[in-house]
């Protein structure tokens, strides 16, 4: 199901955040734009197969953006869009190249309701969207 969605939000300082999601075939791109004072765009890229989505990347954060809730806003908006389109589970990987940030990554995913499995320098994350506040419909909607 192709489409575009957007939502306004606020970061932890209360500054404006614009979230934009674009679905084109099996690809979902979610972007977060912050005001010019704080910096640049962050992105989440996922692929969708049937009722399962796989997070391919979350990135683009400047050091001045980490800890402001932008990643959480990206992830929650992606889950909302995906659940609204019938996706029931989300998974992804912790890359070996990011091992220096492993503790921060694990805290991020656990805080957002994901199960984390560490396997040496890599690991996996997964979450069921069953029982989420989002329900499949023609657009986005809350229960």
N, C-alpha and C. Protein backbone atom coordinates (compact mmCIF):
# COMPACT_ATOMS: atom_id res chain seq x y z
N UNK A 1 0.83 -1.18 0.00
CA UNK A 1 0.00 0.00 0.00
C UNK A 1 0.88 1.24 0.00
N UNK A 2 0.91 1.95 -1.08
CA UNK A 2 1.68 3.17 -1.16
C UNK A 2 0.92 4.30 -0.50
N UNK A 3 1.65 5.31 -0.05
CA UNK A 3 1.01 6.48 0.54
C UNK A 3 2.00 7.34 1.27
N UNK A 4 1.51 8.49 1.72
CA UNK A 4 2.31 9.43 2.50
C UNK A 4 1.49 9.90 3.69
N UNK A 5 2.20 10.10 4.80
CA UNK A 5 1.58 10.57 6.03
C UNK A 5 2.50 11.59 6.67
N UNK A 6 1.94 12.49 7.45
CA UNK A 6 2.79 13.38 8.22
C UNK A 6 2.11 13.74 9.52
N UNK A 7 2.93 14.13 10.47
CA UNK A 7 2.44 14.46 11.80
C UNK A 7 3.40 15.47 12.42
N UNK A 8 2.84 16.39 13.16
CA UNK A 8 3.64 17.32 13.94
C UNK A 8 3.85 16.73 15.32
N UNK A 9 5.01 16.97 15.88
CA UNK A 9 5.32 16.49 17.23
C UNK A 9 6.25 17.51 17.86
N UNK A 10 6.72 17.20 19.05
CA UNK A 10 7.67 18.06 19.75
C UNK A 10 8.78 17.19 20.32
N UNK A 11 10.00 17.73 20.32
CA UNK A 11 11.09 17.00 20.95
C UNK A 11 11.02 17.21 22.46
N UNK A 12 11.98 16.66 23.19
CA UNK A 12 11.95 16.74 24.65
C UNK A 12 12.08 18.17 25.18
N UNK A 13 12.62 19.09 24.37
CA UNK A 13 12.69 20.50 24.76
C UNK A 13 11.44 21.26 24.37
N UNK A 14 10.49 20.59 23.72
CA UNK A 14 9.27 21.25 23.27
C UNK A 14 9.40 21.93 21.92
N UNK A 15 10.55 21.74 21.26
CA UNK A 15 10.75 22.34 19.94
C UNK A 15 10.01 21.53 18.88
N UNK A 16 9.54 22.20 17.81
CA UNK A 16 8.77 21.51 16.77
C UNK A 16 9.56 20.42 16.06
N UNK A 17 8.83 19.40 15.70
CA UNK A 17 9.36 18.26 14.97
C UNK A 17 8.31 17.87 13.95
N UNK A 18 8.69 17.74 12.71
CA UNK A 18 7.79 17.29 11.66
C UNK A 18 8.19 15.89 11.27
N UNK A 19 7.24 14.95 11.32
CA UNK A 19 7.46 13.57 10.92
C UNK A 19 6.75 13.32 9.60
N UNK A 20 7.47 12.76 8.64
CA UNK A 20 6.91 12.48 7.31
C UNK A 20 7.23 11.03 6.97
N UNK A 21 6.21 10.26 6.60
CA UNK A 21 6.39 8.85 6.22
C UNK A 21 5.94 8.68 4.78
N UNK A 22 6.74 7.97 4.01
CA UNK A 22 6.40 7.65 2.62
C UNK A 22 6.56 6.16 2.42
N UNK A 23 5.50 5.53 1.93
CA UNK A 23 5.52 4.10 1.62
C UNK A 23 5.44 3.94 0.13
N UNK A 24 6.42 3.24 -0.44
CA UNK A 24 6.46 2.95 -1.86
C UNK A 24 6.74 1.47 -2.00
N UNK A 25 5.73 0.70 -2.33
CA UNK A 25 5.89 -0.75 -2.42
C UNK A 25 6.33 -1.31 -1.09
N UNK A 26 7.41 -2.09 -1.07
CA UNK A 26 7.84 -2.70 0.19
C UNK A 26 8.70 -1.77 1.07
N UNK A 27 8.95 -0.53 0.62
CA UNK A 27 9.84 0.36 1.37
C UNK A 27 9.07 1.42 2.14
N UNK A 28 9.52 1.66 3.37
CA UNK A 28 8.97 2.74 4.18
C UNK A 28 10.12 3.64 4.59
N UNK A 29 9.99 4.93 4.32
CA UNK A 29 10.95 5.93 4.72
C UNK A 29 10.25 6.91 5.64
N UNK A 30 10.76 7.06 6.86
CA UNK A 30 10.20 8.01 7.81
C UNK A 30 11.29 9.02 8.13
N UNK A 31 10.96 10.31 7.98
CA UNK A 31 11.94 11.36 8.21
C UNK A 31 11.44 12.29 9.31
N UNK A 32 12.39 12.78 10.08
CA UNK A 32 12.10 13.76 11.13
C UNK A 32 12.87 15.02 10.82
N UNK A 33 12.16 16.14 10.78
CA UNK A 33 12.78 17.43 10.54
C UNK A 33 12.66 18.27 11.80
N UNK A 34 13.78 18.78 12.26
CA UNK A 34 13.79 19.64 13.44
C UNK A 34 13.98 21.07 13.00
N UNK A 35 13.73 22.00 13.93
CA UNK A 35 13.90 23.40 13.58
C UNK A 35 15.37 23.69 13.30
N UNK A 36 15.65 24.77 12.62
CA UNK A 36 17.01 25.09 12.18
C UNK A 36 17.98 25.29 13.34
N UNK A 37 17.48 25.71 14.49
CA UNK A 37 18.37 25.94 15.63
C UNK A 37 19.02 24.64 16.08
N UNK A 38 18.31 23.53 15.98
CA UNK A 38 18.81 22.25 16.48
C UNK A 38 19.49 21.40 15.43
N UNK A 39 19.29 21.67 14.17
CA UNK A 39 20.02 20.85 13.22
C UNK A 39 19.18 20.20 12.16
N UNK A 40 19.53 18.98 11.85
CA UNK A 40 19.11 18.37 10.60
C UNK A 40 18.10 17.25 10.76
N UNK A 41 17.99 16.52 9.70
CA UNK A 41 17.01 15.47 9.54
C UNK A 41 17.56 14.13 10.06
N UNK A 42 16.66 13.32 10.60
CA UNK A 42 16.98 11.94 10.97
C UNK A 42 16.01 11.05 10.20
N UNK A 43 16.41 9.80 9.93
CA UNK A 43 15.59 8.92 9.11
C UNK A 43 15.48 7.53 9.71
N UNK A 44 14.39 6.86 9.36
CA UNK A 44 14.19 5.44 9.64
C UNK A 44 13.80 4.82 8.31
N UNK A 45 14.47 3.74 7.95
CA UNK A 45 14.17 3.02 6.72
C UNK A 45 13.78 1.60 7.09
N UNK A 46 12.66 1.15 6.55
CA UNK A 46 12.19 -0.22 6.82
C UNK A 46 11.70 -0.84 5.52
N UNK A 47 11.73 -2.17 5.49
CA UNK A 47 11.14 -2.90 4.37
C UNK A 47 9.99 -3.74 4.93
N UNK A 48 8.97 -3.92 4.10
CA UNK A 48 7.77 -4.63 4.53
C UNK A 48 7.53 -5.82 3.62
N UNK A 49 7.31 -6.97 4.26
CA UNK A 49 6.93 -8.18 3.55
C UNK A 49 5.71 -8.75 4.27
N UNK A 50 4.56 -8.67 3.63
CA UNK A 50 3.34 -9.18 4.25
C UNK A 50 3.03 -8.45 5.55
N UNK A 51 2.95 -9.21 6.64
CA UNK A 51 2.61 -8.64 7.94
C UNK A 51 3.85 -8.37 8.80
N UNK A 52 5.02 -8.36 8.18
CA UNK A 52 6.28 -8.17 8.91
C UNK A 52 7.07 -7.01 8.31
N UNK A 53 7.62 -6.18 9.17
CA UNK A 53 8.50 -5.10 8.74
C UNK A 53 9.88 -5.30 9.35
N UNK A 54 10.91 -4.93 8.62
CA UNK A 54 12.28 -5.03 9.09
C UNK A 54 12.90 -3.64 9.04
N UNK A 55 13.36 -3.17 10.18
CA UNK A 55 14.05 -1.89 10.23
C UNK A 55 15.43 -2.10 9.63
N UNK A 56 15.76 -1.32 8.62
CA UNK A 56 17.05 -1.43 7.94
C UNK A 56 18.05 -0.43 8.50
N UNK A 57 17.55 0.75 8.93
CA UNK A 57 18.45 1.77 9.43
C UNK A 57 17.67 2.83 10.19
N UNK A 58 18.24 3.32 11.25
CA UNK A 58 17.79 4.53 11.92
C UNK A 58 19.05 5.37 12.06
N UNK A 59 19.05 6.56 11.49
CA UNK A 59 20.28 7.33 11.54
C UNK A 59 20.09 8.77 11.13
N UNK A 60 21.25 9.42 10.95
CA UNK A 60 21.26 10.82 10.55
C UNK A 60 21.27 11.78 11.72
N UNK A 61 21.45 11.27 12.92
CA UNK A 61 21.41 12.12 14.10
C UNK A 61 22.76 12.80 14.32
N UNK A 62 22.74 14.11 14.51
CA UNK A 62 23.95 14.80 14.94
C UNK A 62 24.10 14.60 16.44
N UNK A 63 25.30 14.78 16.94
CA UNK A 63 25.52 14.60 18.39
C UNK A 63 24.61 15.52 19.21
N UNK A 64 24.22 16.68 18.63
CA UNK A 64 23.34 17.59 19.36
C UNK A 64 21.88 17.16 19.30
N UNK A 65 21.59 16.07 18.58
CA UNK A 65 20.22 15.57 18.47
C UNK A 65 19.94 14.37 19.35
N UNK A 66 20.98 13.69 19.80
CA UNK A 66 20.80 12.46 20.57
C UNK A 66 20.26 12.79 21.96
N UNK A 67 19.24 12.06 22.36
CA UNK A 67 18.65 12.25 23.68
C UNK A 67 17.48 13.22 23.71
N UNK A 68 17.02 13.67 22.55
CA UNK A 68 15.91 14.62 22.49
C UNK A 68 14.59 13.98 22.11
N UNK A 69 14.55 12.65 21.94
CA UNK A 69 13.30 11.97 21.62
C UNK A 69 12.98 11.88 20.14
N UNK A 70 13.93 12.28 19.29
CA UNK A 70 13.69 12.24 17.85
C UNK A 70 13.61 10.80 17.36
N UNK A 71 14.52 9.93 17.81
CA UNK A 71 14.50 8.53 17.41
C UNK A 71 13.23 7.83 17.86
N UNK A 72 12.80 8.12 19.08
CA UNK A 72 11.55 7.54 19.59
C UNK A 72 10.37 8.01 18.75
N UNK A 73 10.34 9.29 18.40
CA UNK A 73 9.25 9.81 17.57
C UNK A 73 9.25 9.13 16.21
N UNK A 74 10.42 8.95 15.60
CA UNK A 74 10.52 8.24 14.32
C UNK A 74 9.97 6.82 14.43
N UNK A 75 10.44 6.10 15.45
CA UNK A 75 10.06 4.71 15.62
C UNK A 75 8.56 4.57 15.88
N UNK A 76 8.01 5.40 16.75
CA UNK A 76 6.59 5.31 17.07
C UNK A 76 5.72 5.67 15.87
N UNK A 77 6.14 6.67 15.09
CA UNK A 77 5.37 7.03 13.90
C UNK A 77 5.44 5.92 12.86
N UNK A 78 6.62 5.31 12.70
CA UNK A 78 6.75 4.18 11.78
C UNK A 78 5.82 3.04 12.21
N UNK A 79 5.80 2.72 13.49
CA UNK A 79 4.92 1.66 13.99
C UNK A 79 3.46 1.99 13.73
N UNK A 80 3.09 3.24 13.91
CA UNK A 80 1.72 3.68 13.67
C UNK A 80 1.33 3.46 12.21
N UNK A 81 2.19 3.90 11.31
CA UNK A 81 1.91 3.74 9.88
C UNK A 81 1.84 2.26 9.53
N UNK A 82 2.80 1.48 10.00
CA UNK A 82 2.85 0.05 9.68
C UNK A 82 1.64 -0.70 10.23
N UNK A 83 1.29 -0.44 11.48
CA UNK A 83 0.13 -1.12 12.07
C UNK A 83 -1.14 -0.74 11.32
N UNK A 84 -1.24 0.51 10.89
CA UNK A 84 -2.40 0.95 10.12
C UNK A 84 -2.51 0.26 8.78
N UNK A 85 -1.42 -0.35 8.34
CA UNK A 85 -1.43 -1.07 7.07
C UNK A 85 -1.39 -2.59 7.26
N UNK A 86 -1.65 -3.04 8.47
CA UNK A 86 -1.76 -4.48 8.71
C UNK A 86 -0.49 -5.19 9.12
N UNK A 87 0.59 -4.46 9.35
CA UNK A 87 1.83 -5.09 9.81
C UNK A 87 1.66 -5.48 11.27
N UNK A 88 2.06 -6.70 11.60
CA UNK A 88 1.86 -7.22 12.95
C UNK A 88 3.14 -7.38 13.76
N UNK A 89 4.30 -7.30 13.09
CA UNK A 89 5.57 -7.50 13.80
C UNK A 89 6.66 -6.67 13.12
N UNK A 90 7.58 -6.16 13.96
CA UNK A 90 8.71 -5.37 13.48
C UNK A 90 9.98 -6.01 14.04
N UNK A 91 11.01 -6.09 13.21
CA UNK A 91 12.29 -6.62 13.67
C UNK A 91 13.41 -5.78 13.07
N UNK A 92 14.63 -6.05 13.53
CA UNK A 92 15.79 -5.34 13.01
C UNK A 92 17.05 -5.90 13.63
N UNK A 93 18.19 -5.28 13.33
CA UNK A 93 19.48 -5.74 13.83
C UNK A 93 20.24 -4.61 14.49
N UNK A 94 21.11 -4.98 15.38
CA UNK A 94 22.09 -4.06 15.95
C UNK A 94 23.38 -4.35 15.20
N UNK A 95 23.88 -3.38 14.48
CA UNK A 95 25.03 -3.59 13.61
C UNK A 95 26.32 -3.71 14.41
N UNK A 96 27.20 -4.58 13.96
CA UNK A 96 28.49 -4.76 14.61
C UNK A 96 29.32 -3.48 14.58
N UNK A 97 29.15 -2.66 13.54
CA UNK A 97 29.89 -1.42 13.42
C UNK A 97 29.49 -0.37 14.45
N UNK A 98 28.37 -0.56 15.11
CA UNK A 98 27.88 0.40 16.12
C UNK A 98 28.10 -0.10 17.53
N UNK A 99 29.01 -1.04 17.73
CA UNK A 99 29.20 -1.65 19.04
C UNK A 99 29.58 -0.61 20.10
N UNK A 100 30.20 0.50 19.72
CA UNK A 100 30.56 1.55 20.67
C UNK A 100 29.35 2.24 21.27
N UNK A 101 28.21 2.11 20.61
CA UNK A 101 26.96 2.71 21.09
C UNK A 101 25.96 1.66 21.56
N UNK A 102 26.43 0.44 21.81
CA UNK A 102 25.54 -0.68 22.09
C UNK A 102 24.61 -0.42 23.29
N UNK A 103 25.15 0.09 24.39
CA UNK A 103 24.30 0.33 25.56
C UNK A 103 23.17 1.30 25.23
N UNK A 104 23.49 2.37 24.51
CA UNK A 104 22.47 3.35 24.14
C UNK A 104 21.43 2.72 23.22
N UNK A 105 21.87 1.88 22.26
CA UNK A 105 20.93 1.21 21.36
C UNK A 105 20.00 0.28 22.12
N UNK A 106 20.55 -0.51 23.02
CA UNK A 106 19.73 -1.45 23.79
C UNK A 106 18.71 -0.69 24.63
N UNK A 107 19.13 0.37 25.32
CA UNK A 107 18.19 1.17 26.12
C UNK A 107 17.08 1.75 25.24
N UNK A 108 17.44 2.23 24.06
CA UNK A 108 16.46 2.81 23.13
C UNK A 108 15.39 1.79 22.76
N UNK A 109 15.80 0.61 22.33
CA UNK A 109 14.83 -0.39 21.90
C UNK A 109 14.02 -0.95 23.07
N UNK A 110 14.64 -1.20 24.19
CA UNK A 110 13.91 -1.70 25.36
C UNK A 110 12.87 -0.67 25.81
N UNK A 111 13.27 0.60 25.86
CA UNK A 111 12.35 1.68 26.25
C UNK A 111 11.13 1.72 25.33
N UNK A 112 11.32 1.35 24.07
CA UNK A 112 10.24 1.38 23.10
C UNK A 112 9.53 0.04 22.94
N UNK A 113 9.73 -0.89 23.89
CA UNK A 113 8.97 -2.13 23.93
C UNK A 113 9.51 -3.27 23.09
N UNK A 114 10.76 -3.19 22.65
CA UNK A 114 11.35 -4.24 21.83
C UNK A 114 12.07 -5.26 22.69
N UNK A 115 12.09 -6.50 22.23
CA UNK A 115 12.94 -7.52 22.82
C UNK A 115 14.28 -7.42 22.11
N UNK A 116 15.36 -7.50 22.89
CA UNK A 116 16.70 -7.39 22.32
C UNK A 116 17.45 -8.69 22.60
N UNK A 117 18.06 -9.26 21.55
CA UNK A 117 18.88 -10.47 21.67
C UNK A 117 20.29 -10.11 21.22
N UNK A 118 21.22 -10.14 22.14
CA UNK A 118 22.61 -9.84 21.78
C UNK A 118 23.33 -11.14 21.45
N UNK A 119 24.06 -11.14 20.34
CA UNK A 119 24.83 -12.31 19.91
C UNK A 119 26.21 -11.83 19.51
N UNK A 120 27.10 -11.72 20.49
CA UNK A 120 28.44 -11.21 20.21
C UNK A 120 28.38 -9.75 19.83
N UNK A 121 29.04 -9.38 18.73
CA UNK A 121 29.07 -7.97 18.35
C UNK A 121 27.80 -7.50 17.64
N UNK A 122 26.88 -8.41 17.36
CA UNK A 122 25.63 -8.04 16.71
C UNK A 122 24.47 -8.37 17.63
N UNK A 123 23.30 -8.25 17.12
CA UNK A 123 22.11 -8.59 17.90
C UNK A 123 20.87 -8.29 17.09
N UNK A 124 19.75 -8.73 17.60
CA UNK A 124 18.48 -8.50 16.92
C UNK A 124 17.48 -7.87 17.85
N UNK A 125 16.52 -7.19 17.26
CA UNK A 125 15.42 -6.58 18.02
C UNK A 125 14.12 -7.02 17.38
N UNK A 126 13.08 -7.15 18.19
CA UNK A 126 11.78 -7.52 17.65
C UNK A 126 10.67 -7.01 18.56
N UNK A 127 9.53 -6.77 17.93
CA UNK A 127 8.36 -6.29 18.68
C UNK A 127 7.10 -6.72 17.94
N UNK A 128 6.13 -7.20 18.68
CA UNK A 128 4.83 -7.50 18.12
C UNK A 128 3.98 -6.24 18.19
N UNK A 129 3.31 -5.92 17.10
CA UNK A 129 2.39 -4.79 17.10
C UNK A 129 0.98 -5.21 17.48
N UNK A 130 0.82 -6.50 17.78
CA UNK A 130 -0.48 -6.99 18.27
C UNK A 130 -0.77 -6.30 19.59
N UNK A 131 -1.97 -5.84 19.77
CA UNK A 131 -2.34 -5.18 21.00
C UNK A 131 -1.83 -3.75 21.09
N UNK A 132 -1.28 -3.23 19.97
CA UNK A 132 -0.84 -1.83 19.98
C UNK A 132 -2.08 -0.94 19.93
N UNK A 133 -1.92 0.35 20.25
CA UNK A 133 -3.08 1.24 20.19
C UNK A 133 -3.52 1.55 18.77
N UNK A 134 -2.77 1.07 17.78
CA UNK A 134 -3.10 1.36 16.39
C UNK A 134 -3.88 0.22 15.78
N UNK A 135 -4.82 0.53 14.94
CA UNK A 135 -5.68 -0.48 14.34
C UNK A 135 -5.65 -0.28 12.82
N UNK A 136 -5.70 -1.37 12.08
CA UNK A 136 -5.69 -1.28 10.62
C UNK A 136 -6.98 -0.60 10.15
N UNK A 137 -6.80 0.34 9.23
CA UNK A 137 -7.93 1.00 8.59
C UNK A 137 -7.45 1.63 7.29
N UNK A 138 -8.25 2.47 6.68
CA UNK A 138 -7.85 3.08 5.41
C UNK A 138 -6.80 4.17 5.58
N UNK A 139 -6.68 4.68 6.78
CA UNK A 139 -5.69 5.69 7.09
C UNK A 139 -5.06 5.31 8.41
N UNK A 140 -4.73 6.29 9.18
CA UNK A 140 -4.20 6.03 10.52
C UNK A 140 -5.31 6.23 11.51
N UNK A 141 -5.30 5.45 12.58
CA UNK A 141 -6.34 5.63 13.58
C UNK A 141 -5.96 4.99 14.88
N UNK A 142 -6.45 5.53 15.95
CA UNK A 142 -6.23 4.97 17.28
C UNK A 142 -7.46 4.21 17.71
N UNK A 143 -7.26 3.21 18.52
CA UNK A 143 -8.40 2.49 19.11
C UNK A 143 -9.04 3.34 20.15
